[in-house]
Amino acid sequence: LILELESNKLSESNVSPFAFQPLKSLSYLRLGRNQFRT
């Protein structure tokens, strides 16, 4: 339900577009303090 990945080195280049597909019940996602441009 809850996934927090703040303050890492994530960006659209190293996160697969299919990475979050298994998370059928996820309602809360934190990706702050990373390197996303989109």
ModelCIF file with pLDDT and N, C-alpha, C, O atoms, coordinates in Angstrom:
data_MODEL
#
_entry.id   MODEL 
#
_entity.id                         1 
_entity.type                       polymer 
_entity.pdbx_number_of_molecules   1 
#
_entity_poly.entity_id                      1 
_entity_poly.type                           'polypeptide(L)' 
_entity_poly.nstd_linkage                   no 
_entity_poly.nstd_monomer                   no 
_entity_poly.pdbx_seq_one_letter_code       LILELESNKLSESNVSPFAFQPLKSLSYLRLGRNQFRT 
_entity_poly.pdbx_seq_one_letter_code_can   LILELESNKLSESNVSPFAFQPLKSLSYLRLGRNQFRT 
_entity_poly.pdbx_strand_id                 A 
#
loop_
_entity_poly_seq.entity_id 
_entity_poly_seq.num 
_entity_poly_seq.mon_id 
_entity_poly_seq.hetero 
1 1  LEU n 
1 2  ILE n 
1 3  LEU n 
1 4  GLU n 
1 5  LEU n 
1 6  GLU n 
1 7  SER n 
1 8  ASN n 
1 9  LYS n 
1 10 LEU n 
1 11 SER n 
1 12 GLU n 
1 13 SER n 
1 14 ASN n 
1 15 VAL n 
1 16 SER n 
1 17 PRO n 
1 18 PHE n 
1 19 ALA n 
1 20 PHE n 
1 21 GLN n 
1 22 PRO n 
1 23 LEU n 
1 24 LYS n 
1 25 SER n 
1 26 LEU n 
1 27 SER n 
1 28 TYR n 
1 29 LEU n 
1 30 ARG n 
1 31 LEU n 
1 32 GLY n 
1 33 ARG n 
1 34 ASN n 
1 35 GLN n 
1 36 PHE n 
1 37 ARG n 
1 38 THR n 
#
_struct_asym.id          A 
_struct_asym.entity_id   1 
#
loop_
_ma_qa_metric.id 
_ma_qa_metric.mode 
_ma_qa_metric.name 
_ma_qa_metric.software_group_id 
_ma_qa_metric.type 
1 global pLDDT . pLDDT 
2 local  pLDDT . pLDDT 
#
_ma_qa_metric_global.metric_id      1 
_ma_qa_metric_global.metric_value   95.50 
_ma_qa_metric_global.model_id       1 
_ma_qa_metric_global.ordinal_id     1 
#
loop_
_ma_qa_metric_local.label_asym_id 
_ma_qa_metric_local.label_comp_id 
_ma_qa_metric_local.label_seq_id 
_ma_qa_metric_local.metric_id 
_ma_qa_metric_local.metric_value 
_ma_qa_metric_local.model_id 
_ma_qa_metric_local.ordinal_id 
A LEU 1  2 97.00 1 1  
A ILE 2  2 97.00 1 2  
A LEU 3  2 97.00 1 3  
A GLU 4  2 97.00 1 4  
A LEU 5  2 97.00 1 5  
A GLU 6  2 97.00 1 6  
A SER 7  2 97.00 1 7  
A ASN 8  2 97.00 1 8  
A LYS 9  2 96.00 1 9  
A LEU 10 2 96.00 1 10 
A SER 11 2 95.00 1 11 
A GLU 12 2 93.00 1 12 
A SER 13 2 93.00 1 13 
A ASN 14 2 94.00 1 14 
A VAL 15 2 95.00 1 15 
A SER 16 2 93.00 1 16 
A PRO 17 2 92.00 1 17 
A PHE 18 2 93.00 1 18 
A ALA 19 2 94.00 1 19 
A PHE 20 2 94.00 1 20 
A GLN 21 2 93.00 1 21 
A PRO 22 2 94.00 1 22 
A LEU 23 2 95.00 1 23 
A LYS 24 2 94.00 1 24 
A SER 25 2 96.00 1 25 
A LEU 26 2 96.00 1 26 
A SER 27 2 97.00 1 27 
A TYR 28 2 97.00 1 28 
A LEU 29 2 97.00 1 29 
A ARG 30 2 97.00 1 30 
A LEU 31 2 97.00 1 31 
A GLY 32 2 97.00 1 32 
A ARG 33 2 97.00 1 33 
A ASN 34 2 97.00 1 34 
A GLN 35 2 96.00 1 35 
A PHE 36 2 96.00 1 36 
A ARG 37 2 95.00 1 37 
A THR 38 2 94.00 1 38 
#
loop_
_atom_site.group_PDB 
_atom_site.id 
_atom_site.type_symbol 
_atom_site.label_atom_id 
_atom_site.label_alt_id 
_atom_site.label_comp_id 
_atom_site.label_asym_id 
_atom_site.label_entity_id 
_atom_site.label_seq_id 
_atom_site.pdbx_PDB_ins_code 
_atom_site.Cartn_x 
_atom_site.Cartn_y 
_atom_site.Cartn_z 
_atom_site.occupancy 
_atom_site.B_iso_or_equiv 
_atom_site.pdbx_formal_charge 
_atom_site.auth_seq_id 
_atom_site.auth_comp_id 
_atom_site.auth_asym_id 
_atom_site.auth_atom_id 
_atom_site.pdbx_PDB_model_num 
ATOM 1   N N  . LEU A 1 1  ? 0.810  -1.209 0.000   1.00 97.00 ? 1  LEU A N  1 
ATOM 2   C CA . LEU A 1 1  ? 0.000  0.000  0.000   1.00 97.00 ? 1  LEU A CA 1 
ATOM 3   C C  . LEU A 1 1  ? 0.849  1.267  0.000   1.00 97.00 ? 1  LEU A C  1 
ATOM 4   O O  . LEU A 1 1  ? 0.487  2.253  -0.642  1.00 97.00 ? 1  LEU A O  1 
ATOM 5   N N  . ILE A 1 2  ? 1.979  1.250  0.718   1.00 97.00 ? 2  ILE A N  1 
ATOM 6   C CA . ILE A 1 2  ? 2.819  2.441  0.891   1.00 97.00 ? 2  ILE A CA 1 
ATOM 7   C C  . ILE A 1 2  ? 4.237  2.115  0.435   1.00 97.00 ? 2  ILE A C  1 
ATOM 8   O O  . ILE A 1 2  ? 4.827  1.119  0.853   1.00 97.00 ? 2  ILE A O  1 
ATOM 9   N N  . LEU A 1 3  ? 4.778  2.985  -0.439  1.00 97.00 ? 3  LEU A N  1 
ATOM 10  C CA . LEU A 1 3  ? 6.137  2.819  -0.935  1.00 97.00 ? 3  LEU A CA 1 
ATOM 11  C C  . LEU A 1 3  ? 6.835  4.174  -0.891  1.00 97.00 ? 3  LEU A C  1 
ATOM 12  O O  . LEU A 1 3  ? 6.366  5.150  -1.477  1.00 97.00 ? 3  LEU A O  1 
ATOM 13  N N  . GLU A 1 4  ? 7.967  4.215  -0.185  1.00 97.00 ? 4  GLU A N  1 
ATOM 14  C CA . GLU A 1 4  ? 8.748  5.443  -0.070  1.00 97.00 ? 4  GLU A CA 1 
ATOM 15  C C  . GLU A 1 4  ? 10.172 5.187  -0.560  1.00 97.00 ? 4  GLU A C  1 
ATOM 16  O O  . GLU A 1 4  ? 10.871 4.304  -0.062  1.00 97.00 ? 4  GLU A O  1 
ATOM 17  N N  . LEU A 1 5  ? 10.588 5.993  -1.560  1.00 97.00 ? 5  LEU A N  1 
ATOM 18  C CA . LEU A 1 5  ? 11.929 5.865  -2.151  1.00 97.00 ? 5  LEU A CA 1 
ATOM 19  C C  . LEU A 1 5  ? 12.577 7.244  -2.289  1.00 97.00 ? 5  LEU A C  1 
ATOM 20  O O  . LEU A 1 5  ? 13.234 7.524  -3.292  1.00 97.00 ? 5  LEU A O  1 
ATOM 21  N N  . GLU A 1 6  ? 12.398 8.086  -1.306  1.00 97.00 ? 6  GLU A N  1 
ATOM 22  C CA . GLU A 1 6  ? 12.951 9.434  -1.372  1.00 97.00 ? 6  GLU A CA 1 
ATOM 23  C C  . GLU A 1 6  ? 14.467 9.423  -1.139  1.00 97.00 ? 6  GLU A C  1 
ATOM 24  O O  . GLU A 1 6  ? 15.021 8.504  -0.536  1.00 97.00 ? 6  GLU A O  1 
ATOM 25  N N  . SER A 1 7  ? 15.113 10.486 -1.644  1.00 97.00 ? 7  SER A N  1 
ATOM 26  C CA . SER A 1 7  ? 16.555 10.698 -1.432  1.00 97.00 ? 7  SER A CA 1 
ATOM 27  C C  . SER A 1 7  ? 17.371 9.524  -1.934  1.00 97.00 ? 7  SER A C  1 
ATOM 28  O O  . SER A 1 7  ? 18.211 8.989  -1.210  1.00 97.00 ? 7  SER A O  1 
ATOM 29  N N  . ASN A 1 8  ? 17.127 9.121  -3.174  1.00 97.00 ? 8  ASN A N  1 
ATOM 30  C CA . ASN A 1 8  ? 17.937 8.112  -3.831  1.00 97.00 ? 8  ASN A CA 1 
ATOM 31  C C  . ASN A 1 8  ? 18.506 8.710  -5.126  1.00 97.00 ? 8  ASN A C  1 
ATOM 32  O O  . ASN A 1 8  ? 18.633 9.928  -5.245  1.00 97.00 ? 8  ASN A O  1 
ATOM 33  N N  . LYS A 1 9  ? 18.835 7.878  -6.062  1.00 96.00 ? 9  LYS A N  1 
ATOM 34  C CA . LYS A 1 9  ? 19.406 8.332  -7.328  1.00 96.00 ? 9  LYS A CA 1 
ATOM 35  C C  . LYS A 1 9  ? 18.547 7.861  -8.498  1.00 96.00 ? 9  LYS A C  1 
ATOM 36  O O  . LYS A 1 9  ? 19.056 7.347  -9.494  1.00 96.00 ? 9  LYS A O  1 
ATOM 37  N N  . LEU A 1 10 ? 17.254 8.043  -8.361  1.00 96.00 ? 10 LEU A N  1 
ATOM 38  C CA . LEU A 1 10 ? 16.315 7.564  -9.371  1.00 96.00 ? 10 LEU A CA 1 
ATOM 39  C C  . LEU A 1 10 ? 16.010 8.658  -10.387 1.00 96.00 ? 10 LEU A C  1 
ATOM 40  O O  . LEU A 1 10 ? 15.992 9.848  -10.072 1.00 96.00 ? 10 LEU A O  1 
ATOM 41  N N  . SER A 1 11 ? 15.776 8.220  -11.593 1.00 95.00 ? 11 SER A N  1 
ATOM 42  C CA . SER A 1 11 ? 15.381 9.124  -12.690 1.00 95.00 ? 11 SER A CA 1 
ATOM 43  C C  . SER A 1 11 ? 14.590 8.317  -13.708 1.00 95.00 ? 11 SER A C  1 
ATOM 44  O O  . SER A 1 11 ? 14.476 7.096  -13.603 1.00 95.00 ? 11 SER A O  1 
ATOM 45  N N  . GLU A 1 12 ? 14.037 9.036  -14.714 1.00 93.00 ? 12 GLU A N  1 
ATOM 46  C CA . GLU A 1 12 ? 13.271 8.324  -15.735 1.00 93.00 ? 12 GLU A CA 1 
ATOM 47  C C  . GLU A 1 12 ? 14.141 7.389  -16.561 1.00 93.00 ? 12 GLU A C  1 
ATOM 48  O O  . GLU A 1 12 ? 13.611 6.522  -17.257 1.00 93.00 ? 12 GLU A O  1 
ATOM 49  N N  . SER A 1 13 ? 15.457 7.539  -16.506 1.00 93.00 ? 13 SER A N  1 
ATOM 50  C CA . SER A 1 13 ? 16.355 6.688  -17.294 1.00 93.00 ? 13 SER A CA 1 
ATOM 51  C C  . SER A 1 13 ? 16.632 5.349  -16.630 1.00 93.00 ? 13 SER A C  1 
ATOM 52  O O  . SER A 1 13 ? 16.928 4.380  -17.330 1.00 93.00 ? 13 SER A O  1 
ATOM 53  N N  . ASN A 1 14 ? 16.548 5.255  -15.298 1.00 94.00 ? 14 ASN A N  1 
ATOM 54  C CA . ASN A 1 14 ? 16.860 3.982  -14.616 1.00 94.00 ? 14 ASN A CA 1 
ATOM 55  C C  . ASN A 1 14 ? 15.637 3.350  -13.934 1.00 94.00 ? 14 ASN A C  1 
ATOM 56  O O  . ASN A 1 14 ? 15.771 2.360  -13.214 1.00 94.00 ? 14 ASN A O  1 
ATOM 57  N N  . VAL A 1 15 ? 14.455 3.919  -14.161 1.00 95.00 ? 15 VAL A N  1 
ATOM 58  C CA . VAL A 1 15 ? 13.218 3.324  -13.647 1.00 95.00 ? 15 VAL A CA 1 
ATOM 59  C C  . VAL A 1 15 ? 12.417 2.801  -14.834 1.00 95.00 ? 15 VAL A C  1 
ATOM 60  O O  . VAL A 1 15 ? 12.001 3.566  -15.704 1.00 95.00 ? 15 VAL A O  1 
ATOM 61  N N  . SER A 1 16 ? 12.211 1.507  -14.854 1.00 93.00 ? 16 SER A N  1 
ATOM 62  C CA . SER A 1 16 ? 11.498 0.890  -15.968 1.00 93.00 ? 16 SER A CA 1 
ATOM 63  C C  . SER A 1 16 ? 10.036 1.324  -15.989 1.00 93.00 ? 16 SER A C  1 
ATOM 64  O O  . SER A 1 16 ? 9.424  1.450  -14.929 1.00 93.00 ? 16 SER A O  1 
ATOM 65  N N  . PRO A 1 17 ? 9.455  1.559  -17.179 1.00 92.00 ? 17 PRO A N  1 
ATOM 66  C CA . PRO A 1 17 ? 8.020  1.898  -17.258 1.00 92.00 ? 17 PRO A CA 1 
ATOM 67  C C  . PRO A 1 17 ? 7.109  0.808  -16.723 1.00 92.00 ? 17 PRO A C  1 
ATOM 68  O O  . PRO A 1 17 ? 5.939  1.056  -16.430 1.00 92.00 ? 17 PRO A O  1 
ATOM 69  N N  . PHE A 1 18 ? 7.661  -0.435 -16.593 1.00 93.00 ? 18 PHE A N  1 
ATOM 70  C CA . PHE A 1 18 ? 6.861  -1.564 -16.100 1.00 93.00 ? 18 PHE A CA 1 
ATOM 71  C C  . PHE A 1 18 ? 7.208  -1.924 -14.654 1.00 93.00 ? 18 PHE A C  1 
ATOM 72  O O  . PHE A 1 18 ? 6.763  -2.947 -14.134 1.00 93.00 ? 18 PHE A O  1 
ATOM 73  N N  . ALA A 1 19 ? 7.997  -1.078 -14.022 1.00 94.00 ? 19 ALA A N  1 
ATOM 74  C CA . ALA A 1 19 ? 8.451  -1.407 -12.673 1.00 94.00 ? 19 ALA A CA 1 
ATOM 75  C C  . ALA A 1 19 ? 7.308  -1.443 -11.675 1.00 94.00 ? 19 ALA A C  1 
ATOM 76  O O  . ALA A 1 19 ? 7.320  -2.270 -10.763 1.00 94.00 ? 19 ALA A O  1 
ATOM 77  N N  . PHE A 1 20 ? 6.305  -0.555 -11.823 1.00 94.00 ? 20 PHE A N  1 
ATOM 78  C CA . PHE A 1 20 ? 5.233  -0.443 -10.834 1.00 94.00 ? 20 PHE A CA 1 
ATOM 79  C C  . PHE A 1 20 ? 4.002  -1.279 -11.173 1.00 94.00 ? 20 PHE A C  1 
ATOM 80  O O  . PHE A 1 20 ? 3.010  -1.232 -10.445 1.00 94.00 ? 20 PHE A O  1 
ATOM 81  N N  . GLN A 1 21 ? 4.049  -2.028 -12.245 1.00 93.00 ? 21 GLN A N  1 
ATOM 82  C CA . GLN A 1 21 ? 2.871  -2.812 -12.642 1.00 93.00 ? 21 GLN A CA 1 
ATOM 83  C C  . GLN A 1 21 ? 2.463  -3.879 -11.622 1.00 93.00 ? 21 GLN A C  1 
ATOM 84  O O  . GLN A 1 21 ? 1.263  -4.083 -11.436 1.00 93.00 ? 21 GLN A O  1 
ATOM 85  N N  . PRO A 1 22 ? 3.411  -4.586 -10.936 1.00 94.00 ? 22 PRO A N  1 
ATOM 86  C CA . PRO A 1 22 ? 2.985  -5.599 -9.947  1.00 94.00 ? 22 PRO A CA 1 
ATOM 87  C C  . PRO A 1 22 ? 2.275  -5.019 -8.735  1.00 94.00 ? 22 PRO A C  1 
ATOM 88  O O  . PRO A 1 22 ? 1.623  -5.751 -7.991  1.00 94.00 ? 22 PRO A O  1 
ATOM 89  N N  . LEU A 1 23 ? 2.394  -3.700 -8.524  1.00 95.00 ? 23 LEU A N  1 
ATOM 90  C CA . LEU A 1 23 ? 1.830  -3.091 -7.318  1.00 95.00 ? 23 LEU A CA 1 
ATOM 91  C C  . LEU A 1 23 ? 0.356  -2.757 -7.559  1.00 95.00 ? 23 LEU A C  1 
ATOM 92  O O  . LEU A 1 23 ? -0.002 -1.613 -7.839  1.00 95.00 ? 23 LEU A O  1 
ATOM 93  N N  . LYS A 1 24 ? -0.468 -3.762 -7.445  1.00 94.00 ? 24 LYS A N  1 
ATOM 94  C CA . LYS A 1 24 ? -1.886 -3.609 -7.757  1.00 94.00 ? 24 LYS A CA 1 
ATOM 95  C C  . LYS A 1 24 ? -2.655 -2.828 -6.698  1.00 94.00 ? 24 LYS A C  1 
ATOM 96  O O  . LYS A 1 24 ? -3.727 -2.297 -6.985  1.00 94.00 ? 24 LYS A O  1 
ATOM 97  N N  . SER A 1 25 ? -2.127 -2.750 -5.478  1.00 96.00 ? 25 SER A N  1 
ATOM 98  C CA . SER A 1 25 ? -2.856 -2.092 -4.391  1.00 96.00 ? 25 SER A CA 1 
ATOM 99  C C  . SER A 1 25 ? -2.188 -0.808 -3.924  1.00 96.00 ? 25 SER A C  1 
ATOM 100 O O  . SER A 1 25 ? -2.649 -0.201 -2.958  1.00 96.00 ? 25 SER A O  1 
ATOM 101 N N  . LEU A 1 26 ? -1.120 -0.378 -4.577  1.00 96.00 ? 26 LEU A N  1 
ATOM 102 C CA . LEU A 1 26 ? -0.361 0.781  -4.116  1.00 96.00 ? 26 LEU A CA 1 
ATOM 103 C C  . LEU A 1 26 ? -1.219 2.048  -4.175  1.00 96.00 ? 26 LEU A C  1 
ATOM 104 O O  . LEU A 1 26 ? -1.820 2.358  -5.204  1.00 96.00 ? 26 LEU A O  1 
ATOM 105 N N  . SER A 1 27 ? -1.264 2.774  -3.049  1.00 97.00 ? 27 SER A N  1 
ATOM 106 C CA . SER A 1 27 ? -2.039 4.019  -2.987  1.00 97.00 ? 27 SER A CA 1 
ATOM 107 C C  . SER A 1 27 ? -1.193 5.217  -2.574  1.00 97.00 ? 27 SER A C  1 
ATOM 108 O O  . SER A 1 27 ? -1.623 6.358  -2.745  1.00 97.00 ? 27 SER A O  1 
ATOM 109 N N  . TYR A 1 28 ? 0.002  4.981  -2.032  1.00 97.00 ? 28 TYR A N  1 
ATOM 110 C CA . TYR A 1 28 ? 0.831  6.069  -1.510  1.00 97.00 ? 28 TYR A CA 1 
ATOM 111 C C  . TYR A 1 28 ? 2.257  5.866  -2.026  1.00 97.00 ? 28 TYR A C  1 
ATOM 112 O O  . TYR A 1 28 ? 2.899  4.863  -1.714  1.00 97.00 ? 28 TYR A O  1 
ATOM 113 N N  . LEU A 1 29 ? 2.758  6.844  -2.835  1.00 97.00 ? 29 LEU A N  1 
ATOM 114 C CA . LEU A 1 29 ? 4.080  6.720  -3.446  1.00 97.00 ? 29 LEU A CA 1 
ATOM 115 C C  . LEU A 1 29 ? 4.852  8.023  -3.258  1.00 97.00 ? 29 LEU A C  1 
ATOM 116 O O  . LEU A 1 29 ? 4.395  9.101  -3.639  1.00 97.00 ? 29 LEU A O  1 
ATOM 117 N N  . ARG A 1 30 ? 6.040  7.892  -2.656  1.00 97.00 ? 30 ARG A N  1 
ATOM 118 C CA . ARG A 1 30 ? 6.930  9.041  -2.459  1.00 97.00 ? 30 ARG A CA 1 
ATOM 119 C C  . ARG A 1 30 ? 8.222  8.813  -3.249  1.00 97.00 ? 30 ARG A C  1 
ATOM 120 O O  . ARG A 1 30 ? 8.961  7.858  -3.012  1.00 97.00 ? 30 ARG A O  1 
ATOM 121 N N  . LEU A 1 31 ? 8.469  9.737  -4.209  1.00 97.00 ? 31 LEU A N  1 
ATOM 122 C CA . LEU A 1 31 ? 9.684  9.686  -5.028  1.00 97.00 ? 31 LEU A CA 1 
ATOM 123 C C  . LEU A 1 31 ? 10.429 11.024 -4.967  1.00 97.00 ? 31 LEU A C  1 
ATOM 124 O O  . LEU A 1 31 ? 11.146 11.382 -5.901  1.00 97.00 ? 31 LEU A O  1 
ATOM 125 N N  . GLY A 1 32 ? 10.260 11.736 -3.896  1.00 97.00 ? 32 GLY A N  1 
ATOM 126 C CA . GLY A 1 32 ? 10.910 13.036 -3.759  1.00 97.00 ? 32 GLY A CA 1 
ATOM 127 C C  . GLY A 1 32 ? 12.415 12.925 -3.575  1.00 97.00 ? 32 GLY A C  1 
ATOM 128 O O  . GLY A 1 32 ? 12.950 11.873 -3.222  1.00 97.00 ? 32 GLY A O  1 
ATOM 129 N N  . ARG A 1 33 ? 13.097 14.083 -3.833  1.00 97.00 ? 33 ARG A N  1 
ATOM 130 C CA . ARG A 1 33 ? 14.547 14.178 -3.675  1.00 97.00 ? 33 ARG A CA 1 
ATOM 131 C C  . ARG A 1 33 ? 15.285 13.159 -4.543  1.00 97.00 ? 33 ARG A C  1 
ATOM 132 O O  . ARG A 1 33 ? 16.216 12.497 -4.084  1.00 97.00 ? 33 ARG A O  1 
ATOM 133 N N  . ASN A 1 34 ? 14.863 13.044 -5.785  1.00 97.00 ? 34 ASN A N  1 
ATOM 134 C CA . ASN A 1 34 ? 15.553 12.202 -6.751  1.00 97.00 ? 34 ASN A CA 1 
ATOM 135 C C  . ASN A 1 34 ? 15.976 13.068 -7.945  1.00 97.00 ? 34 ASN A C  1 
ATOM 136 O O  . ASN A 1 34 ? 16.220 14.265 -7.790  1.00 97.00 ? 34 ASN A O  1 
ATOM 137 N N  . GLN A 1 35 ? 16.059 12.479 -9.100  1.00 96.00 ? 35 GLN A N  1 
ATOM 138 C CA . GLN A 1 35 ? 16.571 13.205 -10.268 1.00 96.00 ? 35 GLN A CA 1 
ATOM 139 C C  . GLN A 1 35 ? 15.613 13.119 -11.456 1.00 96.00 ? 35 GLN A C  1 
ATOM 140 O O  . GLN A 1 35 ? 16.059 13.088 -12.603 1.00 96.00 ? 35 GLN A O  1 
ATOM 141 N N  . PHE A 1 36 ? 14.329 13.079 -11.203 1.00 96.00 ? 36 PHE A N  1 
ATOM 142 C CA . PHE A 1 36 ? 13.335 12.995 -12.277 1.00 96.00 ? 36 PHE A CA 1 
ATOM 143 C C  . PHE A 1 36 ? 13.196 14.356 -12.980 1.00 96.00 ? 36 PHE A C  1 
ATOM 144 O O  . PHE A 1 36 ? 13.184 15.406 -12.336 1.00 96.00 ? 36 PHE A O  1 
ATOM 145 N N  . ARG A 1 37 ? 13.093 14.309 -14.305 1.00 95.00 ? 37 ARG A N  1 
ATOM 146 C CA . ARG A 1 37 ? 12.823 15.503 -15.115 1.00 95.00 ? 37 ARG A CA 1 
ATOM 147 C C  . ARG A 1 37 ? 11.395 15.506 -15.652 1.00 95.00 ? 37 ARG A C  1 
ATOM 148 O O  . ARG A 1 37 ? 10.862 16.550 -16.029 1.00 95.00 ? 37 ARG A O  1 
ATOM 149 N N  . THR A 1 38 ? 10.803 14.355 -15.680 1.00 94.00 ? 38 THR A N  1 
ATOM 150 C CA . THR A 1 38 ? 9.400  14.223 -16.091 1.00 94.00 ? 38 THR A CA 1 
ATOM 151 C C  . THR A 1 38 ? 8.671  13.331 -15.101 1.00 94.00 ? 38 THR A C  1 
ATOM 152 O O  . THR A 1 38 ? 7.475  13.085 -15.257 1.00 94.00 ? 38 THR A O  1 
#
